[in-house]
Amino acid sequence: MISVTDLRSGRRFLLEGQPWEVLEYHHVKMGRGTANIKVKARNLRTGAVLEKSFINGAKVEPVETERRELQYLYREKEEYFFADPRTFEQISLSESLLGGKEKFLLEGAKVTILFWESEPLAIDLPTSLVFAVVKTDPGVRGNSATNVFKSAVLENGLEVKVPLFVNEGDRVKIDSRSGEYQERAK
């Protein structure tokens, strides 16, 4: 059992027989009473989001998950298909289970998928990913004392704001949590 005070963002736990992942954590203490722990969590099976309040000292059961590295193959409507490179077994995940991470997938890319009781639940991406810039306007420097950004389209179709010095063909690091530009890749 784990204490609810340990339910930080990204932690997984069982609630009523369902696996959940914490999205937000808030510790609330008002007046003389006990503290409340408020979490916003996403059901790893259905993708539903729930806001739950626990009293301080409560405990929840941890989720025992298995991580497997699979290769992204293709998308068909709202299903995304992955293959195990060793066994060639194919699995599919629905768009709702990917939780917005599908925009960072490239065909052939290796990704980590979480399994719970041999059921695929979610996809884990590294915090920063590298993509090539396929389309952007040339950077024209004006009279500006602040950072100036321009739009760029990446090889996966994602549109991000990048600094003026980034050109077509450059490789850039993107934060997979926010989808924002981090730096030019070496």
C-alpha atoms as a PDB file:
ATOM      1  CA  MET A   1       0.000   0.000   0.000  1.00  0.00           C
ATOM      2  CA  ILE A   2       1.150   3.541  -0.684  1.00  0.00           C
ATOM      3  CA  SER A   3       0.166   6.677   1.169  1.00  0.00           C
ATOM      4  CA  VAL A   4      -1.966   9.192  -0.731  1.00  0.00           C
ATOM      5  CA  THR A   5       0.662  11.842   0.093  1.00  0.00           C
ATOM      6  CA  ASP A   6       2.964   9.975  -2.334  1.00  0.00           C
ATOM      7  CA  LEU A   7       0.528  10.333  -5.256  1.00  0.00           C
ATOM      8  CA  ARG A   8       2.568  12.811  -7.263  1.00  0.00           C
ATOM      9  CA  SER A   9       2.091  13.460 -10.961  1.00  0.00           C
ATOM     10  CA  GLY A  10       2.756  10.335 -13.040  1.00  0.00           C
ATOM     11  CA  ARG A  11       2.260   7.860 -10.154  1.00  0.00           C
ATOM     12  CA  ARG A  12      -0.085   4.956 -10.813  1.00  0.00           C
ATOM     13  CA  PHE A  13      -2.495   3.374  -8.322  1.00  0.00           C
ATOM     14  CA  LEU A  14      -5.556   1.104  -8.094  1.00  0.00           C
ATOM     15  CA  LEU A  15      -8.950   2.540  -7.154  1.00  0.00           C
ATOM     16  CA  GLU A  16     -12.031   0.298  -7.124  1.00  0.00           C
ATOM     17  CA  GLY A  17     -10.206  -2.318  -9.193  1.00  0.00           C
ATOM     18  CA  GLN A  18      -9.249   0.132 -11.946  1.00  0.00           C
ATOM     19  CA  PRO A  19      -5.735   1.430 -12.754  1.00  0.00           C
ATOM     20  CA  TRP A  20      -5.328   5.228 -12.521  1.00  0.00           C
ATOM     21  CA  GLU A  21      -2.488   7.662 -13.245  1.00  0.00           C
ATOM     22  CA  VAL A  22      -2.157  10.923 -11.309  1.00  0.00           C
ATOM     23  CA  LEU A  23      -2.258  14.052 -13.483  1.00  0.00           C
ATOM     24  CA  GLU A  24      -2.349  16.705 -10.722  1.00  0.00           C
ATOM     25  CA  TYR A  25      -1.746  16.603  -6.960  1.00  0.00           C
ATOM     26  CA  HIS A  26      -2.834  19.170  -4.340  1.00  0.00           C
ATOM     27  CA  HIS A  27      -2.332  19.058  -0.578  1.00  0.00           C
ATOM     28  CA  VAL A  28      -5.056  21.150   1.112  1.00  0.00           C
ATOM     29  CA  LYS A  29      -5.031  22.017   4.841  1.00  0.00           C
ATOM     30  CA  MET A  30      -7.752  24.293   6.141  1.00  0.00           C
ATOM     31  CA  GLY A  31      -8.247  25.292   9.761  1.00  0.00           C
ATOM     32  CA  ARG A  32      -8.002  22.718  12.514  1.00  0.00           C
ATOM     33  CA  GLY A  33      -9.178  19.685  10.593  1.00  0.00           C
ATOM     34  CA  THR A  34      -7.074  17.080   8.894  1.00  0.00           C
ATOM     35  CA  ALA A  35      -5.446  17.734   5.566  1.00  0.00           C
ATOM     36  CA  ASN A  36      -7.089  16.628   2.338  1.00  0.00           C
ATOM     37  CA  ILE A  37      -5.238  15.276  -0.662  1.00  0.00           C
ATOM     38  CA  LYS A  38      -6.911  16.155  -3.948  1.00  0.00           C
ATOM     39  CA  VAL A  39      -5.799  14.378  -7.085  1.00  0.00           C
ATOM     40  CA  LYS A  40      -6.856  14.605 -10.684  1.00  0.00           C
ATOM     41  CA  ALA A  41      -6.319  11.171 -12.221  1.00  0.00           C
ATOM     42  CA  ARG A  42      -6.859   9.475 -15.582  1.00  0.00           C
ATOM     43  CA  ASN A  43      -8.236   5.950 -15.853  1.00  0.00           C
ATOM     44  CA  LEU A  44      -5.609   3.985 -17.773  1.00  0.00           C
ATOM     45  CA  ARG A  45      -8.238   1.659 -19.249  1.00  0.00           C
ATOM     46  CA  THR A  46     -10.909   4.094 -20.417  1.00  0.00           C
ATOM     47  CA  GLY A  47      -9.111   7.458 -20.513  1.00  0.00           C
ATOM     48  CA  ALA A  48     -11.747   9.027 -18.229  1.00  0.00           C
ATOM     49  CA  VAL A  49     -10.530  11.802 -15.911  1.00  0.00           C
ATOM     50  CA  LEU A  50     -11.606  11.908 -12.256  1.00  0.00           C
ATOM     51  CA  GLU A  51     -11.050  14.380  -9.421  1.00  0.00           C
ATOM     52  CA  LYS A  52     -10.822  12.515  -6.124  1.00  0.00           C
ATOM     53  CA  SER A  53     -10.306  13.727  -2.567  1.00  0.00           C
ATOM     54  CA  PHE A  54      -8.595  11.598   0.092  1.00  0.00           C
ATOM     55  CA  ILE A  55      -8.084  12.281   3.791  1.00  0.00           C
ATOM     56  CA  ASN A  56      -4.492  12.544   4.957  1.00  0.00           C
ATOM     57  CA  GLY A  57      -3.194   9.130   6.005  1.00  0.00           C
ATOM     58  CA  ALA A  58      -5.339   7.123   3.597  1.00  0.00           C
ATOM     59  CA  LYS A  59      -3.653   4.437   1.548  1.00  0.00           C
ATOM     60  CA  VAL A  60      -4.181   3.110  -1.961  1.00  0.00           C
ATOM     61  CA  GLU A  61      -2.899   0.025  -3.696  1.00  0.00           C
ATOM     62  CA  PRO A  62      -0.045   0.464  -6.197  1.00  0.00           C
ATOM     63  CA  VAL A  63      -0.442  -0.785  -9.760  1.00  0.00           C
ATOM     64  CA  GLU A  64       2.045  -3.435 -10.846  1.00  0.00           C
ATOM     65  CA  THR A  65       2.694  -2.617 -14.494  1.00  0.00           C
ATOM     66  CA  GLU A  66       5.009  -4.141 -17.058  1.00  0.00           C
ATOM     67  CA  ARG A  67       6.896  -2.002 -19.564  1.00  0.00           C
ATOM     68  CA  ARG A  68       7.589  -3.322 -23.062  1.00  0.00           C
ATOM     69  CA  GLU A  69       9.419  -1.564 -25.853  1.00  0.00           C
ATOM     70  CA  LEU A  70       7.417  -1.789 -29.069  1.00  0.00           C
ATOM     71  CA  GLN A  71       7.710  -0.247 -32.517  1.00  0.00           C
ATOM     72  CA  TYR A  72       5.013   2.067 -33.857  1.00  0.00           C
ATOM     73  CA  LEU A  73       3.694   0.787 -37.187  1.00  0.00           C
ATOM     74  CA  TYR A  74       0.714   2.762 -38.458  1.00  0.00           C
ATOM     75  CA  ARG A  75      -2.630   4.366 -37.716  1.00  0.00           C
ATOM     76  CA  GLU A  76      -6.003   3.200 -38.960  1.00  0.00           C
ATOM     77  CA  LYS A  77      -8.911   5.538 -38.098  1.00  0.00           C
ATOM     78  CA  GLU A  78      -8.728   5.870 -34.277  1.00  0.00           C
ATOM     79  CA  GLU A  79      -6.522   2.803 -33.678  1.00  0.00           C
ATOM     80  CA  TYR A  80      -2.730   2.909 -33.453  1.00  0.00           C
ATOM     81  CA  PHE A  81      -0.817  -0.298 -34.153  1.00  0.00           C
ATOM     82  CA  PHE A  82       2.459  -1.393 -32.538  1.00  0.00           C
ATOM     83  CA  ALA A  83       4.646  -4.509 -32.943  1.00  0.00           C
ATOM     84  CA  ASP A  84       7.020  -6.327 -30.633  1.00  0.00           C
ATOM     85  CA  PRO A  85      10.352  -6.451 -32.543  1.00  0.00           C
ATOM     86  CA  ARG A  86      11.256  -9.841 -31.013  1.00  0.00           C
ATOM     87  CA  THR A  87       7.997 -11.796 -31.363  1.00  0.00           C
ATOM     88  CA  PHE A  88       6.340  -9.712 -34.132  1.00  0.00           C
ATOM     89  CA  GLU A  89       3.128  -9.738 -32.076  1.00  0.00           C
ATOM     90  CA  GLN A  90       0.922  -6.762 -32.972  1.00  0.00           C
ATOM     91  CA  ILE A  91      -1.239  -4.809 -30.549  1.00  0.00           C
ATOM     92  CA  SER A  92      -3.470  -1.796 -31.024  1.00  0.00           C
ATOM     93  CA  LEU A  93      -4.278   1.128 -28.760  1.00  0.00           C
ATOM     94  CA  SER A  94      -7.235   3.448 -29.185  1.00  0.00           C
ATOM     95  CA  GLU A  95      -6.682   7.180 -29.517  1.00  0.00           C
ATOM     96  CA  SER A  96      -8.371   7.778 -26.138  1.00  0.00           C
ATOM     97  CA  LEU A  97      -5.749   5.647 -24.361  1.00  0.00           C
ATOM     98  CA  LEU A  98      -2.859   7.555 -25.913  1.00  0.00           C
ATOM     99  CA  GLY A  99      -3.921  10.721 -24.081  1.00  0.00           C
ATOM    100  CA  GLY A 100      -2.763  13.212 -26.711  1.00  0.00           C
ATOM    101  CA  LYS A 101       0.646  11.573 -27.160  1.00  0.00           C
ATOM    102  CA  GLU A 102      -0.242  10.279 -30.625  1.00  0.00           C
ATOM    103  CA  LYS A 103       0.900  13.549 -32.192  1.00  0.00           C
ATOM    104  CA  PHE A 104       4.496  12.686 -31.244  1.00  0.00           C
ATOM    105  CA  LEU A 105       4.540   9.270 -32.961  1.00  0.00           C
ATOM    106  CA  LEU A 106       6.630   8.605 -36.058  1.00  0.00           C
ATOM    107  CA  GLU A 107       6.390   5.405 -38.078  1.00  0.00           C
ATOM    108  CA  GLY A 108       9.154   3.040 -37.038  1.00  0.00           C
ATOM    109  CA  ALA A 109       9.821   4.809 -33.724  1.00  0.00           C
ATOM    110  CA  LYS A 110      10.394   2.695 -30.629  1.00  0.00           C
ATOM    111  CA  VAL A 111       8.069   3.514 -27.727  1.00  0.00           C
ATOM    112  CA  THR A 112       7.455   2.076 -24.280  1.00  0.00           C
ATOM    113  CA  ILE A 113       3.961   0.739 -23.631  1.00  0.00           C
ATOM    114  CA  LEU A 114       2.585   0.007 -20.174  1.00  0.00           C
ATOM    115  CA  PHE A 115       0.812  -3.299 -19.644  1.00  0.00           C
ATOM    116  CA  TRP A 116      -1.350  -4.275 -16.684  1.00  0.00           C
ATOM    117  CA  GLU A 117      -2.315  -7.931 -16.448  1.00  0.00           C
ATOM    118  CA  SER A 118      -1.223  -8.358 -20.117  1.00  0.00           C
ATOM    119  CA  GLU A 119      -3.597  -5.546 -21.210  1.00  0.00           C
ATOM    120  CA  PRO A 120      -1.982  -2.558 -22.969  1.00  0.00           C
ATOM    121  CA  LEU A 121      -2.866   0.598 -21.054  1.00  0.00           C
ATOM    122  CA  ALA A 122      -0.801   3.604 -21.988  1.00  0.00           C
ATOM    123  CA  ILE A 123       2.221   4.827 -23.867  1.00  0.00           C
ATOM    124  CA  ASP A 124       5.279   6.323 -22.177  1.00  0.00           C
ATOM    125  CA  LEU A 125       7.334   8.781 -24.191  1.00  0.00           C
ATOM    126  CA  PRO A 126      10.673  10.323 -23.257  1.00  0.00           C
ATOM    127  CA  THR A 127      10.372  13.909 -21.989  1.00  0.00           C
ATOM    128  CA  SER A 128      12.139  15.257 -25.068  1.00  0.00           C
ATOM    129  CA  LEU A 129      11.935  14.001 -28.636  1.00  0.00           C
ATOM    130  CA  VAL A 130      13.923  15.023 -31.726  1.00  0.00           C
ATOM    131  CA  PHE A 131      12.178  15.851 -35.017  1.00  0.00           C
ATOM    132  CA  ALA A 132      13.282  17.358 -38.323  1.00  0.00           C
ATOM    133  CA  VAL A 133      11.782  20.665 -39.458  1.00  0.00           C
ATOM    134  CA  VAL A 134      10.154  20.166 -42.875  1.00  0.00           C
ATOM    135  CA  LYS A 135       8.610  23.595 -43.394  1.00  0.00           C
ATOM    136  CA  THR A 136       9.246  27.035 -41.935  1.00  0.00           C
ATOM    137  CA  ASP A 137       9.514  30.588 -43.159  1.00  0.00           C
ATOM    138  CA  PRO A 138      12.947  32.178 -43.321  1.00  0.00           C
ATOM    139  CA  GLY A 139      13.772  34.157 -40.195  1.00  0.00           C
ATOM    140  CA  VAL A 140      13.845  37.916 -40.712  1.00  0.00           C
ATOM    141  CA  ARG A 141      15.281  39.838 -37.810  1.00  0.00           C
ATOM    142  CA  GLY A 142      13.527  43.090 -36.989  1.00  0.00           C
ATOM    143  CA  ASN A 143      13.921  45.732 -34.315  1.00  0.00           C
ATOM    144  CA  SER A 144      13.132  43.486 -31.387  1.00  0.00           C
ATOM    145  CA  ALA A 145      14.626  43.248 -27.935  1.00  0.00           C
ATOM    146  CA  THR A 146      12.678  40.096 -27.030  1.00  0.00           C
ATOM    147  CA  ASN A 147      12.699  36.508 -28.240  1.00  0.00           C
ATOM    148  CA  VAL A 148      10.843  36.227 -31.517  1.00  0.00           C
ATOM    149  CA  PHE A 149       9.312  32.945 -32.666  1.00  0.00           C
ATOM    150  CA  LYS A 150       7.972  31.667 -35.980  1.00  0.00           C
ATOM    151  CA  SER A 151       5.847  28.656 -36.924  1.00  0.00           C
ATOM    152  CA  ALA A 152       7.461  25.435 -38.106  1.00  0.00           C
ATOM    153  CA  VAL A 153       5.980  22.137 -39.270  1.00  0.00           C
ATOM    154  CA  LEU A 154       7.819  19.019 -38.114  1.00  0.00           C
ATOM    155  CA  GLU A 155       8.185  15.675 -39.900  1.00  0.00           C
ATOM    156  CA  ASN A 156       5.302  14.203 -37.857  1.00  0.00           C
ATOM    157  CA  GLY A 157       2.952  17.034 -38.895  1.00  0.00           C
ATOM    158  CA  LEU A 158       3.129  18.853 -35.543  1.00  0.00           C
ATOM    159  CA  GLU A 159       3.236  22.657 -35.754  1.00  0.00           C
ATOM    160  CA  VAL A 160       5.385  24.390 -33.130  1.00  0.00           C
ATOM    161  CA  LYS A 161       6.838  27.827 -32.469  1.00  0.00           C
ATOM    162  CA  VAL A 162      10.613  27.939 -32.960  1.00  0.00           C
ATOM    163  CA  PRO A 163      13.219  30.730 -32.764  1.00  0.00           C
ATOM    164  CA  LEU A 164      14.123  32.675 -35.908  1.00  0.00           C
ATOM    165  CA  PHE A 165      17.481  30.896 -36.382  1.00  0.00           C
ATOM    166  CA  VAL A 166      15.831  27.479 -36.997  1.00  0.00           C
ATOM    167  CA  ASN A 167      15.666  26.570 -40.693  1.00  0.00           C
ATOM    168  CA  GLU A 168      14.181  23.782 -42.793  1.00  0.00           C
ATOM    169  CA  GLY A 169      16.154  20.566 -42.370  1.00  0.00           C
ATOM    170  CA  ASP A 170      17.284  21.406 -38.827  1.00  0.00           C
ATOM    171  CA  ARG A 171      16.538  18.910 -36.072  1.00  0.00           C
ATOM    172  CA  VAL A 172      14.872  20.284 -32.928  1.00  0.00           C
ATOM    173  CA  LYS A 173      14.090  18.891 -29.472  1.00  0.00           C
ATOM    174  CA  ILE A 174      10.426  19.083 -28.469  1.00  0.00           C
ATOM    175  CA  ASP A 175       9.045  18.625 -24.936  1.00  0.00           C
ATOM    176  CA  SER A 176       6.600  15.688 -25.151  1.00  0.00           C
ATOM    177  CA  ARG A 177       4.606  16.936 -22.147  1.00  0.00           C
ATOM    178  CA  SER A 178       3.822  20.398 -23.526  1.00  0.00           C
ATOM    179  CA  GLY A 179       4.660  20.143 -27.239  1.00  0.00           C
ATOM    180  CA  GLU A 180       6.956  23.176 -27.009  1.00  0.00           C
ATOM    181  CA  TYR A 181      10.361  23.779 -28.566  1.00  0.00           C
ATOM    182  CA  GLN A 182      13.301  23.137 -26.208  1.00  0.00           C
ATOM    183  CA  GLU A 183      16.470  23.532 -28.277  1.00  0.00           C
ATOM    184  CA  ARG A 184      18.118  22.758 -31.571  1.00  0.00           C
ATOM    185  CA  ALA A 185      19.371  19.154 -31.609  1.00  0.00           C
ATOM    186  CA  LYS A 186      23.022  18.492 -32.209  1.00  0.00           C
END
